[in-house]
Amino acid sequence: MSDADDKLAHVLPPMPTAAETAAWEAMTREEQLATLRAELDHPDCQRKTALTLDEIRDRGRLAAEQLRKRRG
């Protein structure tokens, strides 16, 4: 795993904690934009799939539900 992958692993969690939200809000606009751009440049954003948008959405909802259960 590269340094870039390490830095992006949890930069923009789908369900941020209060501390993660506070950290985001403490960033300047320029830092927030740089973070968003880095996230979009991540290799995961370049993957191709045969899944439909509905299938991707359903998997995302399931993953969010499982994350909510783990986080309490």
N, C-alpha and C. Protein backbone atom coordinates (compact mmCIF):
# COMPACT_ATOMS: atom_id res chain seq x y z
N MET A 1 0.84 -1.18 0.00
CA MET A 1 0.00 0.00 0.00
C MET A 1 0.89 1.24 0.00
N SER A 2 0.57 2.20 -0.81
CA SER A 2 1.38 3.40 -0.90
C SER A 2 1.03 4.37 0.21
N ASP A 3 1.86 5.40 0.39
CA ASP A 3 1.58 6.44 1.39
C ASP A 3 0.26 7.12 1.10
N ALA A 4 -0.04 7.35 -0.17
CA ALA A 4 -1.30 7.99 -0.55
C ALA A 4 -2.48 7.15 -0.10
N ASP A 5 -2.39 5.82 -0.26
CA ASP A 5 -3.47 4.95 0.17
C ASP A 5 -3.65 5.02 1.68
N ASP A 6 -2.53 5.07 2.43
CA ASP A 6 -2.61 5.17 3.88
C ASP A 6 -3.31 6.43 4.31
N LYS A 7 -3.01 7.53 3.66
CA LYS A 7 -3.59 8.81 4.03
C LYS A 7 -5.08 8.88 3.69
N LEU A 8 -5.51 8.17 2.68
CA LEU A 8 -6.90 8.26 2.23
C LEU A 8 -7.80 7.20 2.84
N ALA A 9 -7.24 6.30 3.62
CA ALA A 9 -8.03 5.18 4.11
C ALA A 9 -9.30 5.61 4.83
N HIS A 10 -9.24 6.65 5.64
CA HIS A 10 -10.41 7.07 6.41
C HIS A 10 -10.58 8.59 6.39
N VAL A 11 -10.16 9.23 5.33
CA VAL A 11 -10.25 10.68 5.26
C VAL A 11 -11.70 11.14 5.22
N LEU A 12 -12.50 10.52 4.41
CA LEU A 12 -13.89 10.90 4.27
C LEU A 12 -14.80 9.72 4.56
N PRO A 13 -14.96 9.38 5.82
CA PRO A 13 -15.81 8.24 6.15
C PRO A 13 -17.26 8.52 5.79
N PRO A 14 -18.00 7.52 5.38
CA PRO A 14 -19.39 7.74 4.99
C PRO A 14 -20.28 8.13 6.16
N MET A 15 -19.89 7.75 7.36
CA MET A 15 -20.66 8.09 8.56
C MET A 15 -19.68 8.64 9.60
N PRO A 16 -19.30 9.90 9.48
CA PRO A 16 -18.27 10.45 10.37
C PRO A 16 -18.74 10.54 11.82
N THR A 17 -17.78 10.35 12.71
CA THR A 17 -18.04 10.55 14.13
C THR A 17 -18.05 12.05 14.40
N ALA A 18 -18.42 12.42 15.61
CA ALA A 18 -18.41 13.85 15.98
C ALA A 18 -16.99 14.41 15.87
N ALA A 19 -16.00 13.63 16.27
CA ALA A 19 -14.61 14.08 16.20
C ALA A 19 -14.17 14.27 14.74
N GLU A 20 -14.58 13.36 13.87
CA GLU A 20 -14.22 13.48 12.45
C GLU A 20 -14.90 14.69 11.81
N THR A 21 -16.14 14.94 12.20
CA THR A 21 -16.85 16.12 11.69
C THR A 21 -16.17 17.39 12.18
N ALA A 22 -15.77 17.41 13.43
CA ALA A 22 -15.09 18.59 13.98
C ALA A 22 -13.75 18.82 13.27
N ALA A 23 -13.02 17.72 12.99
CA ALA A 23 -11.75 17.85 12.28
C ALA A 23 -11.96 18.43 10.88
N TRP A 24 -13.02 17.96 10.20
CA TRP A 24 -13.34 18.48 8.87
C TRP A 24 -13.67 19.97 8.93
N GLU A 25 -14.48 20.34 9.89
CA GLU A 25 -14.89 21.74 10.03
C GLU A 25 -13.74 22.65 10.43
N ALA A 26 -12.71 22.08 11.05
CA ALA A 26 -11.54 22.87 11.44
C ALA A 26 -10.62 23.16 10.26
N MET A 27 -10.81 22.41 9.16
CA MET A 27 -9.99 22.63 7.96
C MET A 27 -10.41 23.91 7.25
N THR A 28 -9.44 24.50 6.56
CA THR A 28 -9.78 25.65 5.71
C THR A 28 -10.50 25.12 4.47
N ARG A 29 -11.13 26.03 3.75
CA ARG A 29 -11.82 25.62 2.51
C ARG A 29 -10.83 24.98 1.55
N GLU A 30 -9.63 25.55 1.46
CA GLU A 30 -8.62 25.00 0.56
C GLU A 30 -8.22 23.59 0.96
N GLU A 31 -8.08 23.35 2.28
CA GLU A 31 -7.74 22.01 2.75
C GLU A 31 -8.87 21.02 2.46
N GLN A 32 -10.11 21.47 2.64
CA GLN A 32 -11.25 20.60 2.33
C GLN A 32 -11.28 20.25 0.85
N LEU A 33 -11.07 21.24 -0.01
CA LEU A 33 -11.06 20.98 -1.45
C LEU A 33 -9.93 20.04 -1.84
N ALA A 34 -8.76 20.24 -1.26
CA ALA A 34 -7.62 19.36 -1.56
C ALA A 34 -7.93 17.93 -1.12
N THR A 35 -8.57 17.79 0.02
CA THR A 35 -8.94 16.46 0.51
C THR A 35 -9.95 15.80 -0.41
N LEU A 36 -10.95 16.54 -0.83
CA LEU A 36 -11.95 16.00 -1.76
C LEU A 36 -11.31 15.59 -3.08
N ARG A 37 -10.44 16.43 -3.60
CA ARG A 37 -9.77 16.10 -4.87
C ARG A 37 -8.90 14.86 -4.73
N ALA A 38 -8.19 14.75 -3.62
CA ALA A 38 -7.35 13.58 -3.39
C ALA A 38 -8.21 12.32 -3.31
N GLU A 39 -9.35 12.43 -2.66
CA GLU A 39 -10.26 11.28 -2.54
C GLU A 39 -10.75 10.86 -3.93
N LEU A 40 -11.09 11.82 -4.77
CA LEU A 40 -11.57 11.50 -6.12
C LEU A 40 -10.48 10.96 -7.02
N ASP A 41 -9.22 11.28 -6.71
CA ASP A 41 -8.09 10.76 -7.48
C ASP A 41 -7.66 9.37 -7.03
N HIS A 42 -8.26 8.87 -5.96
CA HIS A 42 -7.90 7.56 -5.43
C HIS A 42 -8.24 6.48 -6.47
N PRO A 43 -7.42 5.45 -6.57
CA PRO A 43 -7.68 4.40 -7.56
C PRO A 43 -9.07 3.76 -7.45
N ASP A 44 -9.63 3.70 -6.26
CA ASP A 44 -10.97 3.13 -6.11
C ASP A 44 -12.02 3.90 -6.90
N CYS A 45 -11.77 5.16 -7.15
CA CYS A 45 -12.73 5.97 -7.91
C CYS A 45 -12.61 5.74 -9.41
N GLN A 46 -11.62 4.97 -9.82
CA GLN A 46 -11.39 4.70 -11.24
C GLN A 46 -11.81 3.29 -11.64
N ARG A 47 -12.32 2.52 -10.68
CA ARG A 47 -12.69 1.13 -10.98
C ARG A 47 -13.93 1.08 -11.85
N LYS A 48 -13.93 0.10 -12.75
CA LYS A 48 -15.09 -0.13 -13.61
C LYS A 48 -15.86 -1.32 -13.06
N THR A 49 -17.15 -1.32 -13.28
CA THR A 49 -17.98 -2.40 -12.77
C THR A 49 -19.12 -2.69 -13.73
N ALA A 50 -19.62 -3.89 -13.65
CA ALA A 50 -20.79 -4.27 -14.45
C ALA A 50 -22.08 -4.08 -13.65
N LEU A 51 -21.94 -3.64 -12.39
CA LEU A 51 -23.11 -3.44 -11.55
C LEU A 51 -23.94 -2.26 -12.04
N THR A 52 -25.23 -2.35 -11.81
CA THR A 52 -26.10 -1.22 -12.15
C THR A 52 -26.05 -0.21 -11.00
N LEU A 53 -26.54 0.99 -11.25
CA LEU A 53 -26.58 2.01 -10.20
C LEU A 53 -27.43 1.53 -9.03
N ASP A 54 -28.52 0.85 -9.30
CA ASP A 54 -29.37 0.32 -8.22
C ASP A 54 -28.62 -0.70 -7.38
N GLU A 55 -27.83 -1.56 -8.02
CA GLU A 55 -27.06 -2.56 -7.29
C GLU A 55 -25.99 -1.89 -6.41
N ILE A 56 -25.34 -0.87 -6.95
CA ILE A 56 -24.34 -0.14 -6.19
C ILE A 56 -25.00 0.54 -4.99
N ARG A 57 -26.14 1.17 -5.22
CA ARG A 57 -26.88 1.85 -4.16
C ARG A 57 -27.29 0.85 -3.07
N ASP A 58 -27.82 -0.31 -3.47
CA ASP A 58 -28.24 -1.32 -2.50
C ASP A 58 -27.07 -1.81 -1.67
N ARG A 59 -25.95 -2.04 -2.30
CA ARG A 59 -24.76 -2.48 -1.57
C ARG A 59 -24.28 -1.39 -0.61
N GLY A 60 -24.35 -0.15 -1.04
CA GLY A 60 -23.96 0.96 -0.18
C GLY A 60 -24.86 1.08 1.03
N ARG A 61 -26.15 0.91 0.82
CA ARG A 61 -27.10 0.97 1.95
C ARG A 61 -26.84 -0.18 2.92
N LEU A 62 -26.57 -1.36 2.41
CA LEU A 62 -26.28 -2.50 3.27
C LEU A 62 -25.00 -2.26 4.06
N ALA A 63 -23.98 -1.75 3.39
CA ALA A 63 -22.71 -1.46 4.07
C ALA A 63 -22.91 -0.40 5.15
N ALA A 64 -23.71 0.63 4.87
CA ALA A 64 -23.98 1.67 5.87
C ALA A 64 -24.71 1.09 7.07
N GLU A 65 -25.67 0.21 6.82
CA GLU A 65 -26.41 -0.42 7.90
C GLU A 65 -25.48 -1.26 8.78
N GLN A 66 -24.59 -2.01 8.15
CA GLN A 66 -23.65 -2.83 8.90
C GLN A 66 -22.69 -1.96 9.71
N LEU A 67 -22.26 -0.84 9.13
CA LEU A 67 -21.36 0.08 9.83
C LEU A 67 -22.07 0.70 11.04
N ARG A 68 -23.33 1.06 10.88
CA ARG A 68 -24.09 1.61 12.00
C ARG A 68 -24.18 0.60 13.14
N LYS A 69 -24.40 -0.65 12.82
CA LYS A 69 -24.48 -1.69 13.84
C LYS A 69 -23.16 -1.86 14.57
N ARG A 70 -22.06 -1.80 13.83
CA ARG A 70 -20.73 -1.96 14.46
C ARG A 70 -20.38 -0.77 15.34
N ARG A 71 -20.77 0.43 14.90
CA ARG A 71 -20.41 1.64 15.65
C ARG A 71 -21.37 1.90 16.81
N GLY A 72 -22.51 1.24 16.80
CA GLY A 72 -23.46 1.39 17.91
C GLY A 72 -24.38 2.50 17.83
